[in-house]
């Protein structure tokens, strides 16, 4: 069963290639959704995936790439499947 999550990632995650890293991970796991920078320095991810993928995906988000440093991740399940129209994962600019 697919579920939709809103994930906020805090730390050194902007200007270091973190969104590209997440895009590659999400694409490899067939996760639909998007990632975007937020004004407070965090990134916001909306992700639609099989519910048994969330723990693995969050583990990947914690690791990050060479230049990032994740300090906190907040995950919230979103009731409405707002990502029905997305066919893949993308970086929002």
N, C-alpha and C. Protein backbone atom coordinates (compact mmCIF):
# COMPACT_ATOMS: atom_id res chain seq x y z
N UNK A 1 0.83 -1.17 0.00
CA UNK A 1 0.00 0.00 0.00
C UNK A 1 0.89 1.25 0.00
N UNK A 2 0.55 2.21 -0.84
CA UNK A 2 1.33 3.45 -0.90
C UNK A 2 0.78 4.46 0.09
N UNK A 3 1.71 5.20 0.67
CA UNK A 3 1.36 6.29 1.59
C UNK A 3 2.15 7.52 1.17
N UNK A 4 1.66 8.68 1.57
CA UNK A 4 2.33 9.94 1.26
C UNK A 4 2.85 10.54 2.56
N UNK A 5 4.08 11.02 2.49
CA UNK A 5 4.75 11.59 3.65
C UNK A 5 5.26 12.98 3.34
N UNK A 6 5.21 13.84 4.35
CA UNK A 6 5.92 15.11 4.28
C UNK A 6 7.12 14.96 5.21
N UNK A 7 8.30 15.17 4.66
CA UNK A 7 9.54 14.98 5.41
C UNK A 7 10.31 16.28 5.40
N UNK A 8 10.71 16.76 6.58
CA UNK A 8 11.55 17.97 6.67
C UNK A 8 12.92 17.53 7.16
N UNK A 9 13.94 17.98 6.46
CA UNK A 9 15.31 17.63 6.81
C UNK A 9 16.04 18.92 7.18
N UNK A 10 16.65 18.92 8.36
CA UNK A 10 17.35 20.09 8.88
C UNK A 10 18.85 19.80 8.99
N UNK A 11 19.64 20.84 8.92
CA UNK A 11 21.08 20.73 9.02
C UNK A 11 21.73 21.45 7.85
N UNK A 12 22.91 21.00 7.49
CA UNK A 12 23.61 21.56 6.32
C UNK A 12 23.14 20.80 5.09
N UNK A 13 22.00 21.24 4.53
CA UNK A 13 21.37 20.51 3.44
C UNK A 13 21.06 21.39 2.22
N UNK A 14 21.47 22.64 2.26
CA UNK A 14 21.29 23.52 1.11
C UNK A 14 22.66 23.95 0.58
N UNK A 15 22.77 23.99 -0.74
CA UNK A 15 24.01 24.42 -1.38
C UNK A 15 25.12 23.40 -1.34
N UNK A 16 24.77 22.14 -1.05
CA UNK A 16 25.79 21.09 -0.93
C UNK A 16 25.47 19.85 -1.78
N UNK A 17 24.48 19.96 -2.67
CA UNK A 17 24.11 18.83 -3.53
C UNK A 17 23.17 17.83 -2.88
N UNK A 18 22.59 18.19 -1.74
CA UNK A 18 21.72 17.26 -1.02
C UNK A 18 20.47 16.91 -1.82
N UNK A 19 19.87 17.90 -2.47
CA UNK A 19 18.66 17.61 -3.25
C UNK A 19 18.95 16.64 -4.39
N UNK A 20 20.10 16.77 -5.04
CA UNK A 20 20.47 15.81 -6.10
C UNK A 20 20.66 14.41 -5.52
N UNK A 21 21.28 14.34 -4.35
CA UNK A 21 21.47 13.06 -3.66
C UNK A 21 20.12 12.40 -3.40
N UNK A 22 19.18 13.17 -2.83
CA UNK A 22 17.86 12.64 -2.52
C UNK A 22 17.13 12.23 -3.79
N UNK A 23 17.26 13.03 -4.83
CA UNK A 23 16.62 12.70 -6.11
C UNK A 23 17.09 11.34 -6.62
N UNK A 24 18.38 11.07 -6.55
CA UNK A 24 18.92 9.78 -7.01
C UNK A 24 18.38 8.63 -6.17
N UNK A 25 18.35 8.81 -4.85
CA UNK A 25 17.84 7.76 -3.96
C UNK A 25 16.36 7.50 -4.24
N UNK A 26 15.58 8.56 -4.31
CA UNK A 26 14.13 8.42 -4.53
C UNK A 26 13.85 7.75 -5.87
N UNK A 27 14.58 8.16 -6.90
CA UNK A 27 14.38 7.57 -8.22
C UNK A 27 14.72 6.08 -8.21
N UNK A 28 15.79 5.71 -7.52
CA UNK A 28 16.19 4.30 -7.47
C UNK A 28 15.18 3.44 -6.72
N UNK A 29 14.40 4.05 -5.83
CA UNK A 29 13.39 3.32 -5.05
C UNK A 29 11.98 3.49 -5.61
N UNK A 30 11.87 4.12 -6.79
CA UNK A 30 10.58 4.36 -7.43
C UNK A 30 9.62 5.16 -6.55
N UNK A 31 10.18 6.14 -5.84
CA UNK A 31 9.39 7.03 -5.01
C UNK A 31 8.95 8.21 -5.87
N UNK A 32 7.67 8.58 -5.76
CA UNK A 32 7.15 9.73 -6.48
C UNK A 32 7.11 10.92 -5.53
N UNK A 33 7.35 12.13 -6.07
CA UNK A 33 7.23 13.30 -5.23
C UNK A 33 8.18 14.40 -5.63
N UNK A 34 8.56 15.22 -4.64
CA UNK A 34 9.44 16.36 -4.93
C UNK A 34 10.22 16.75 -3.68
N UNK A 35 11.31 17.48 -3.92
CA UNK A 35 12.11 18.05 -2.85
C UNK A 35 12.36 19.50 -3.18
N UNK A 36 12.34 20.35 -2.16
CA UNK A 36 12.57 21.78 -2.38
C UNK A 36 13.22 22.41 -1.16
N UNK A 37 13.99 23.47 -1.40
CA UNK A 37 14.59 24.25 -0.32
C UNK A 37 13.53 25.09 0.36
N UNK A 38 13.68 25.27 1.67
CA UNK A 38 12.80 26.14 2.43
C UNK A 38 13.61 27.34 2.93
N UNK A 39 12.92 28.43 3.23
CA UNK A 39 13.59 29.66 3.64
C UNK A 39 14.38 29.52 4.93
N UNK A 40 14.02 28.57 5.80
CA UNK A 40 14.71 28.41 7.08
C UNK A 40 16.00 27.58 6.97
N UNK A 41 16.38 27.21 5.74
CA UNK A 41 17.61 26.43 5.53
C UNK A 41 17.40 24.93 5.48
N UNK A 42 16.19 24.48 5.72
CA UNK A 42 15.87 23.05 5.63
C UNK A 42 15.44 22.70 4.22
N UNK A 43 15.19 21.42 3.99
CA UNK A 43 14.56 20.99 2.74
C UNK A 43 13.26 20.27 3.10
N UNK A 44 12.30 20.37 2.21
CA UNK A 44 11.01 19.73 2.37
C UNK A 44 10.85 18.69 1.28
N UNK A 45 10.44 17.51 1.68
CA UNK A 45 10.24 16.41 0.74
C UNK A 45 8.79 15.94 0.87
N UNK A 46 8.11 15.83 -0.26
CA UNK A 46 6.82 15.15 -0.31
C UNK A 46 7.09 13.87 -1.07
N UNK A 47 6.77 12.74 -0.46
CA UNK A 47 7.11 11.46 -1.05
C UNK A 47 5.96 10.47 -0.94
N UNK A 48 5.66 9.83 -2.05
CA UNK A 48 4.64 8.80 -2.10
C UNK A 48 5.36 7.48 -2.39
N UNK A 49 5.20 6.52 -1.49
CA UNK A 49 5.94 5.26 -1.62
C UNK A 49 5.20 4.14 -0.92
N UNK A 50 5.65 2.93 -1.18
CA UNK A 50 5.13 1.80 -0.43
C UNK A 50 5.50 2.02 1.03
N UNK A 51 4.55 1.74 1.92
CA UNK A 51 4.76 2.06 3.33
C UNK A 51 5.95 1.35 3.96
N UNK A 52 6.37 0.22 3.40
CA UNK A 52 7.53 -0.47 3.96
C UNK A 52 8.87 0.11 3.50
N UNK A 53 8.85 1.16 2.66
CA UNK A 53 10.07 1.83 2.20
C UNK A 53 10.48 3.00 3.08
N UNK A 54 9.59 3.51 3.92
CA UNK A 54 9.85 4.77 4.62
C UNK A 54 11.07 4.69 5.53
N UNK A 55 11.23 3.62 6.28
CA UNK A 55 12.37 3.52 7.19
C UNK A 55 13.69 3.52 6.44
N UNK A 56 13.75 2.78 5.35
CA UNK A 56 14.96 2.73 4.53
C UNK A 56 15.25 4.09 3.91
N UNK A 57 14.21 4.76 3.43
CA UNK A 57 14.38 6.08 2.82
C UNK A 57 14.90 7.09 3.85
N UNK A 58 14.32 7.09 5.04
CA UNK A 58 14.77 8.01 6.09
C UNK A 58 16.21 7.71 6.49
N UNK A 59 16.58 6.44 6.54
CA UNK A 59 17.98 6.09 6.82
C UNK A 59 18.91 6.69 5.78
N UNK A 60 18.52 6.62 4.50
CA UNK A 60 19.32 7.22 3.43
C UNK A 60 19.39 8.74 3.58
N UNK A 61 18.28 9.36 3.98
CA UNK A 61 18.25 10.80 4.17
C UNK A 61 19.20 11.23 5.28
N UNK A 62 19.29 10.43 6.34
CA UNK A 62 20.19 10.72 7.47
C UNK A 62 21.64 10.71 7.03
N UNK A 63 22.00 9.77 6.17
CA UNK A 63 23.39 9.64 5.73
C UNK A 63 23.79 10.84 4.90
N UNK A 64 22.95 11.22 3.95
CA UNK A 64 23.25 12.36 3.08
C UNK A 64 24.45 12.09 2.19
N UNK A 65 24.93 13.15 1.54
CA UNK A 65 26.10 13.01 0.68
C UNK A 65 27.34 13.51 1.43
N UNK A 66 28.46 13.56 0.76
CA UNK A 66 29.74 13.91 1.39
C UNK A 66 29.72 15.28 2.04
N UNK A 67 29.04 16.24 1.44
CA UNK A 67 29.09 17.62 1.89
C UNK A 67 27.97 18.03 2.85
N UNK A 68 26.95 17.20 2.97
CA UNK A 68 25.82 17.55 3.83
C UNK A 68 26.04 17.03 5.25
N UNK A 69 25.28 17.60 6.17
CA UNK A 69 25.28 17.13 7.55
C UNK A 69 23.86 17.29 8.09
N UNK A 70 23.17 16.20 8.23
CA UNK A 70 21.78 16.19 8.68
C UNK A 70 21.75 16.20 10.20
N UNK A 71 21.00 17.16 10.75
CA UNK A 71 20.89 17.24 12.21
C UNK A 71 19.56 16.72 12.74
N UNK A 72 18.51 16.78 11.91
CA UNK A 72 17.17 16.38 12.38
C UNK A 72 16.29 16.07 11.17
N UNK A 73 15.46 15.05 11.32
CA UNK A 73 14.47 14.72 10.29
C UNK A 73 13.11 14.55 10.97
N UNK A 74 12.10 15.21 10.41
CA UNK A 74 10.74 15.09 10.90
C UNK A 74 9.88 14.47 9.80
N UNK A 75 9.17 13.42 10.14
CA UNK A 75 8.34 12.70 9.17
C UNK A 75 6.90 12.73 9.64
N UNK A 76 6.03 13.09 8.70
CA UNK A 76 4.60 13.11 9.01
C UNK A 76 3.85 12.49 7.85
N UNK A 77 2.97 11.55 8.15
CA UNK A 77 2.14 10.97 7.10
C UNK A 77 1.06 11.97 6.73
N UNK A 78 0.84 12.13 5.43
CA UNK A 78 -0.17 13.05 4.92
C UNK A 78 -1.39 12.22 4.55
N UNK A 79 -2.55 12.62 5.05
CA UNK A 79 -3.77 11.85 4.82
C UNK A 79 -4.17 11.77 3.35
N UNK A 80 -4.26 12.91 2.70
CA UNK A 80 -4.65 12.92 1.30
C UNK A 80 -3.45 12.56 0.43
N UNK A 81 -3.67 11.76 -0.58
CA UNK A 81 -2.59 11.42 -1.49
C UNK A 81 -2.44 12.55 -2.51
N UNK A 82 -1.74 13.60 -2.12
CA UNK A 82 -1.59 14.79 -2.96
C UNK A 82 -0.64 14.57 -4.12
N UNK A 83 0.00 13.43 -4.16
CA UNK A 83 0.99 13.19 -5.20
C UNK A 83 0.48 12.30 -6.33
N UNK A 84 -0.82 12.10 -6.41
CA UNK A 84 -1.37 11.23 -7.45
C UNK A 84 -0.97 11.66 -8.85
N UNK A 85 -0.76 12.95 -9.05
CA UNK A 85 -0.44 13.45 -10.38
C UNK A 85 1.04 13.31 -10.74
N UNK A 86 1.88 13.02 -9.78
CA UNK A 86 3.33 12.90 -10.06
C UNK A 86 3.65 11.51 -10.59
N UNK A 87 4.41 11.49 -11.66
CA UNK A 87 4.80 10.22 -12.25
C UNK A 87 6.20 9.80 -11.83
N UNK A 88 6.95 10.74 -11.22
CA UNK A 88 8.31 10.45 -10.78
C UNK A 88 8.69 11.39 -9.65
N UNK A 89 9.96 11.46 -9.33
CA UNK A 89 10.46 12.34 -8.29
C UNK A 89 11.24 13.47 -8.96
N UNK A 90 11.11 14.70 -8.43
CA UNK A 90 11.81 15.81 -9.06
C UNK A 90 12.25 16.85 -8.03
N UNK A 91 13.19 17.67 -8.44
CA UNK A 91 13.67 18.78 -7.64
C UNK A 91 12.90 20.01 -8.03
N UNK A 92 12.23 20.64 -7.06
CA UNK A 92 11.49 21.87 -7.31
C UNK A 92 12.44 23.06 -7.10
N UNK A 93 12.41 23.99 -8.04
CA UNK A 93 13.28 25.17 -7.94
C UNK A 93 12.47 26.41 -7.69
